[in-house]
């Protein structure tokens, strides 16, 4: 998710977003479903959040 999508969620659901934790991974929305490069980027970015 890019920052602009998180901002849009906050606009659409302001009350829910007050208590939600949303992480933006700064991965551009240019990849196809199950793209191998995207999967590797996700592993790296998510791995830093769950350690």
PDB file of N, CA and C in Angstrom:
ATOM      1  N   UNK A   1       0.849  -1.168   0.000  1.00  0.00           N
ATOM      2  CA  UNK A   1       0.000   0.000   0.000  1.00  0.00           C
ATOM      3  C   UNK A   1       0.896   1.232   0.000  1.00  0.00           C
ATOM      4  N   UNK A   2       0.484   2.179  -0.803  1.00  0.00           N
ATOM      5  CA  UNK A   2       1.188   3.446  -0.840  1.00  0.00           C
ATOM      6  C   UNK A   2       0.502   4.430   0.104  1.00  0.00           C
ATOM      7  N   UNK A   3       1.217   5.477   0.487  1.00  0.00           N
ATOM      8  CA  UNK A   3       0.673   6.480   1.406  1.00  0.00           C
ATOM      9  C   UNK A   3      -0.650   7.052   0.920  1.00  0.00           C
ATOM     10  N   UNK A   4      -0.773   7.244  -0.390  1.00  0.00           N
ATOM     11  CA  UNK A   4      -2.014   7.848  -0.901  1.00  0.00           C
ATOM     12  C   UNK A   4      -3.232   6.958  -0.635  1.00  0.00           C
ATOM     13  N   UNK A   5      -3.038   5.645  -0.600  1.00  0.00           N
ATOM     14  CA  UNK A   5      -4.156   4.748  -0.307  1.00  0.00           C
ATOM     15  C   UNK A   5      -4.540   4.807   1.170  1.00  0.00           C
ATOM     16  N   UNK A   6      -3.547   4.923   2.034  1.00  0.00           N
ATOM     17  CA  UNK A   6      -3.826   5.064   3.460  1.00  0.00           C
ATOM     18  C   UNK A   6      -4.572   6.369   3.722  1.00  0.00           C
ATOM     19  N   UNK A   7      -4.179   7.420   3.024  1.00  0.00           N
ATOM     20  CA  UNK A   7      -4.877   8.706   3.164  1.00  0.00           C
ATOM     21  C   UNK A   7      -6.319   8.588   2.695  1.00  0.00           C
ATOM     22  N   UNK A   8      -6.528   7.868   1.643  1.00  0.00           N
ATOM     23  CA  UNK A   8      -7.890   7.676   1.122  1.00  0.00           C
ATOM     24  C   UNK A   8      -8.744   6.885   2.123  1.00  0.00           C
ATOM     25  N   UNK A   9      -8.162   5.867   2.731  1.00  0.00           N
ATOM     26  CA  UNK A   9      -8.886   5.118   3.760  1.00  0.00           C
ATOM     27  C   UNK A   9      -9.292   6.032   4.908  1.00  0.00           C
ATOM     28  N   UNK A  10      -8.394   6.918   5.305  1.00  0.00           N
ATOM     29  CA  UNK A  10      -8.696   7.850   6.396  1.00  0.00           C
ATOM     30  C   UNK A  10      -9.831   8.794   6.016  1.00  0.00           C
ATOM     31  N   UNK A  11      -9.895   9.182   4.745  1.00  0.00           N
ATOM     32  CA  UNK A  11     -10.983  10.040   4.271  1.00  0.00           C
ATOM     33  C   UNK A  11     -12.317   9.293   4.284  1.00  0.00           C
ATOM     34  N   UNK A  12     -12.301   8.046   3.843  1.00  0.00           N
ATOM     35  CA  UNK A  12     -13.525   7.266   3.729  1.00  0.00           C
ATOM     36  C   UNK A  12     -14.022   6.723   5.062  1.00  0.00           C
ATOM     37  N   UNK A  13     -13.100   6.388   5.950  1.00  0.00           N
ATOM     38  CA  UNK A  13     -13.457   5.740   7.211  1.00  0.00           C
ATOM     39  C   UNK A  13     -12.728   6.401   8.387  1.00  0.00           C
ATOM     40  N   UNK A  14     -12.997   7.671   8.642  1.00  0.00           N
ATOM     41  CA  UNK A  14     -12.223   8.386   9.667  1.00  0.00           C
ATOM     42  C   UNK A  14     -12.324   7.782  11.061  1.00  0.00           C
ATOM     43  N   UNK A  15     -13.490   7.336  11.458  1.00  0.00           N
ATOM     44  CA  UNK A  15     -13.638   6.768  12.802  1.00  0.00           C
ATOM     45  C   UNK A  15     -12.879   5.454  12.939  1.00  0.00           C
ATOM     46  N   UNK A  16     -12.997   4.593  11.957  1.00  0.00           N
ATOM     47  CA  UNK A  16     -12.316   3.299  12.006  1.00  0.00           C
ATOM     48  C   UNK A  16     -10.799   3.470  11.980  1.00  0.00           C
ATOM     49  N   UNK A  17     -10.341   4.458  11.248  1.00  0.00           N
ATOM     50  CA  UNK A  17      -8.902   4.653  11.103  1.00  0.00           C
ATOM     51  C   UNK A  17      -8.252   5.241  12.356  1.00  0.00           C
ATOM     52  N   UNK A  18      -9.034   5.786  13.256  1.00  0.00           N
ATOM     53  CA  UNK A  18      -8.462   6.325  14.487  1.00  0.00           C
ATOM     54  C   UNK A  18      -7.847   5.220  15.339  1.00  0.00           C
ATOM     55  N   UNK A  19      -8.451   4.049  15.294  1.00  0.00           N
ATOM     56  CA  UNK A  19      -7.941   2.950  16.112  1.00  0.00           C
ATOM     57  C   UNK A  19      -7.251   1.860  15.289  1.00  0.00           C
ATOM     58  N   UNK A  20      -7.176   2.037  13.993  1.00  0.00           N
ATOM     59  CA  UNK A  20      -6.554   1.024  13.131  1.00  0.00           C
ATOM     60  C   UNK A  20      -5.064   1.298  12.967  1.00  0.00           C
ATOM     61  N   UNK A  21      -4.322   0.234  12.830  1.00  0.00           N
ATOM     62  CA  UNK A  21      -2.901   0.364  12.510  1.00  0.00           C
ATOM     63  C   UNK A  21      -2.740   0.014  11.036  1.00  0.00           C
ATOM     64  N   UNK A  22      -2.316   0.969  10.265  1.00  0.00           N
ATOM     65  CA  UNK A  22      -2.120   0.759   8.836  1.00  0.00           C
ATOM     66  C   UNK A  22      -0.657   1.008   8.520  1.00  0.00           C
ATOM     67  N   UNK A  23      -0.029   0.035   7.921  1.00  0.00           N
ATOM     68  CA  UNK A  23       1.367   0.158   7.517  1.00  0.00           C
ATOM     69  C   UNK A  23       1.425   0.355   6.012  1.00  0.00           C
ATOM     70  N   UNK A  24       2.133   1.355   5.590  1.00  0.00           N
ATOM     71  CA  UNK A  24       2.375   1.527   4.163  1.00  0.00           C
ATOM     72  C   UNK A  24       3.784   1.028   3.887  1.00  0.00           C
ATOM     73  N   UNK A  25       3.933   0.266   2.837  1.00  0.00           N
ATOM     74  CA  UNK A  25       5.209  -0.380   2.559  1.00  0.00           C
ATOM     75  C   UNK A  25       6.026   0.344   1.497  1.00  0.00           C
ATOM     76  N   UNK A  26       5.482   1.427   0.977  1.00  0.00           N
ATOM     77  CA  UNK A  26       6.184   2.201  -0.062  1.00  0.00           C
ATOM     78  C   UNK A  26       6.585   1.337  -1.251  1.00  0.00           C
ATOM     79  N   UNK A  27       5.705   0.441  -1.623  1.00  0.00           N
ATOM     80  CA  UNK A  27       5.909  -0.368  -2.820  1.00  0.00           C
ATOM     81  C   UNK A  27       4.942   0.166  -3.876  1.00  0.00           C
ATOM     82  N   UNK A  28       5.449   0.620  -5.003  1.00  0.00           N
ATOM     83  CA  UNK A  28       4.554   1.193  -6.018  1.00  0.00           C
ATOM     84  C   UNK A  28       3.567   0.165  -6.560  1.00  0.00           C
ATOM     85  N   UNK A  29       2.434   0.648  -6.959  1.00  0.00           N
ATOM     86  CA  UNK A  29       1.358  -0.200  -7.455  1.00  0.00           C
ATOM     87  C   UNK A  29       1.539  -0.441  -8.958  1.00  0.00           C
ATOM     88  N   UNK A  30       2.615  -1.117  -9.304  1.00  0.00           N
ATOM     89  CA  UNK A  30       2.935  -1.352 -10.716  1.00  0.00           C
ATOM     90  C   UNK A  30       3.109  -2.833 -11.041  1.00  0.00           C
ATOM     91  N   UNK A  31       2.898  -3.691 -10.061  1.00  0.00           N
ATOM     92  CA  UNK A  31       3.157  -5.123 -10.243  1.00  0.00           C
ATOM     93  C   UNK A  31       1.884  -5.889 -10.549  1.00  0.00           C
ATOM     94  N   UNK A  32       2.041  -6.949 -11.307  1.00  0.00           N
ATOM     95  CA  UNK A  32       0.944  -7.860 -11.583  1.00  0.00           C
ATOM     96  C   UNK A  32       0.782  -8.819 -10.403  1.00  0.00           C
ATOM     97  N   UNK A  33      -0.370  -9.427 -10.321  1.00  0.00           N
ATOM     98  CA  UNK A  33      -0.665 -10.408  -9.277  1.00  0.00           C
ATOM     99  C   UNK A  33       0.391 -11.503  -9.277  1.00  0.00           C
ATOM    100  N   UNK A  34       0.941 -11.786  -8.109  1.00  0.00           N
ATOM    101  CA  UNK A  34       1.926 -12.847  -7.878  1.00  0.00           C
ATOM    102  C   UNK A  34       3.244 -12.631  -8.627  1.00  0.00           C
ATOM    103  N   UNK A  35       3.568 -11.394  -8.958  1.00  0.00           N
ATOM    104  CA  UNK A  35       4.839 -11.067  -9.588  1.00  0.00           C
ATOM    105  C   UNK A  35       5.977 -11.466  -8.633  1.00  0.00           C
ATOM    106  N   UNK A  36       6.971 -12.161  -9.133  1.00  0.00           N
ATOM    107  CA  UNK A  36       8.054 -12.664  -8.279  1.00  0.00           C
ATOM    108  C   UNK A  36       8.818 -11.522  -7.596  1.00  0.00           C
ATOM    109  N   UNK A  37       9.038 -10.435  -8.311  1.00  0.00           N
ATOM    110  CA  UNK A  37       9.733  -9.296  -7.712  1.00  0.00           C
ATOM    111  C   UNK A  37       8.892  -8.680  -6.589  1.00  0.00           C
ATOM    112  N   UNK A  38       7.580  -8.592  -6.801  1.00  0.00           N
ATOM    113  CA  UNK A  38       6.682  -8.067  -5.770  1.00  0.00           C
ATOM    114  C   UNK A  38       6.717  -8.950  -4.526  1.00  0.00           C
ATOM    115  N   UNK A  39       6.699 -10.240  -4.722  1.00  0.00           N
ATOM    116  CA  UNK A  39       6.727 -11.172  -3.589  1.00  0.00           C
ATOM    117  C   UNK A  39       7.995 -10.983  -2.769  1.00  0.00           C
ATOM    118  N   UNK A  40       9.116 -10.808  -3.435  1.00  0.00           N
ATOM    119  CA  UNK A  40      10.371 -10.591  -2.723  1.00  0.00           C
ATOM    120  C   UNK A  40      10.356  -9.265  -1.960  1.00  0.00           C
ATOM    121  N   UNK A  41       9.826  -8.221  -2.590  1.00  0.00           N
ATOM    122  CA  UNK A  41       9.714  -6.929  -1.903  1.00  0.00           C
ATOM    123  C   UNK A  41       8.816  -7.029  -0.675  1.00  0.00           C
ATOM    124  N   UNK A  42       7.722  -7.744  -0.805  1.00  0.00           N
ATOM    125  CA  UNK A  42       6.807  -7.923   0.322  1.00  0.00           C
ATOM    126  C   UNK A  42       7.474  -8.678   1.466  1.00  0.00           C
ATOM    127  N   UNK A  43       8.210  -9.712   1.131  1.00  0.00           N
ATOM    128  CA  UNK A  43       8.912 -10.481   2.170  1.00  0.00           C
ATOM    129  C   UNK A  43       9.860  -9.581   2.945  1.00  0.00           C
ATOM    130  N   UNK A  44      10.580  -8.748   2.226  1.00  0.00           N
ATOM    131  CA  UNK A  44      11.552  -7.857   2.869  1.00  0.00           C
ATOM    132  C   UNK A  44      10.825  -6.821   3.746  1.00  0.00           C
ATOM    133  N   UNK A  45       9.841  -6.149   3.170  1.00  0.00           N
ATOM    134  CA  UNK A  45       9.151  -5.068   3.891  1.00  0.00           C
ATOM    135  C   UNK A  45       8.360  -5.598   5.083  1.00  0.00           C
ATOM    136  N   UNK A  46       7.633  -6.668   4.893  1.00  0.00           N
ATOM    137  CA  UNK A  46       6.820  -7.217   5.985  1.00  0.00           C
ATOM    138  C   UNK A  46       7.720  -7.826   7.049  1.00  0.00           C
ATOM    139  N   UNK A  47       8.811  -8.422   6.632  1.00  0.00           N
ATOM    140  CA  UNK A  47       9.745  -9.019   7.582  1.00  0.00           C
ATOM    141  C   UNK A  47      10.282  -8.001   8.578  1.00  0.00           C
ATOM    142  N   UNK A  48      10.463  -6.774   8.156  1.00  0.00           N
ATOM    143  CA  UNK A  48      10.961  -5.750   9.078  1.00  0.00           C
ATOM    144  C   UNK A  48       9.893  -5.357  10.101  1.00  0.00           C
ATOM    145  N   UNK A  49       8.645  -5.598   9.806  1.00  0.00           N
ATOM    146  CA  UNK A  49       7.551  -5.220  10.707  1.00  0.00           C
ATOM    147  C   UNK A  49       7.228  -6.292  11.744  1.00  0.00           C
ATOM    148  N   UNK A  50       7.533  -7.545  11.438  1.00  0.00           N
ATOM    149  CA  UNK A  50       7.101  -8.622  12.336  1.00  0.00           C
ATOM    150  C   UNK A  50       8.243  -9.246  13.132  1.00  0.00           C
ATOM    151  N   UNK A  51       9.408  -8.690  13.057  1.00  0.00           N
ATOM    152  CA  UNK A  51      10.545  -9.254  13.817  1.00  0.00           C
ATOM    153  C   UNK A  51      10.542  -8.774  15.219  1.00  0.00           C
TER     154      UNK A  51
END
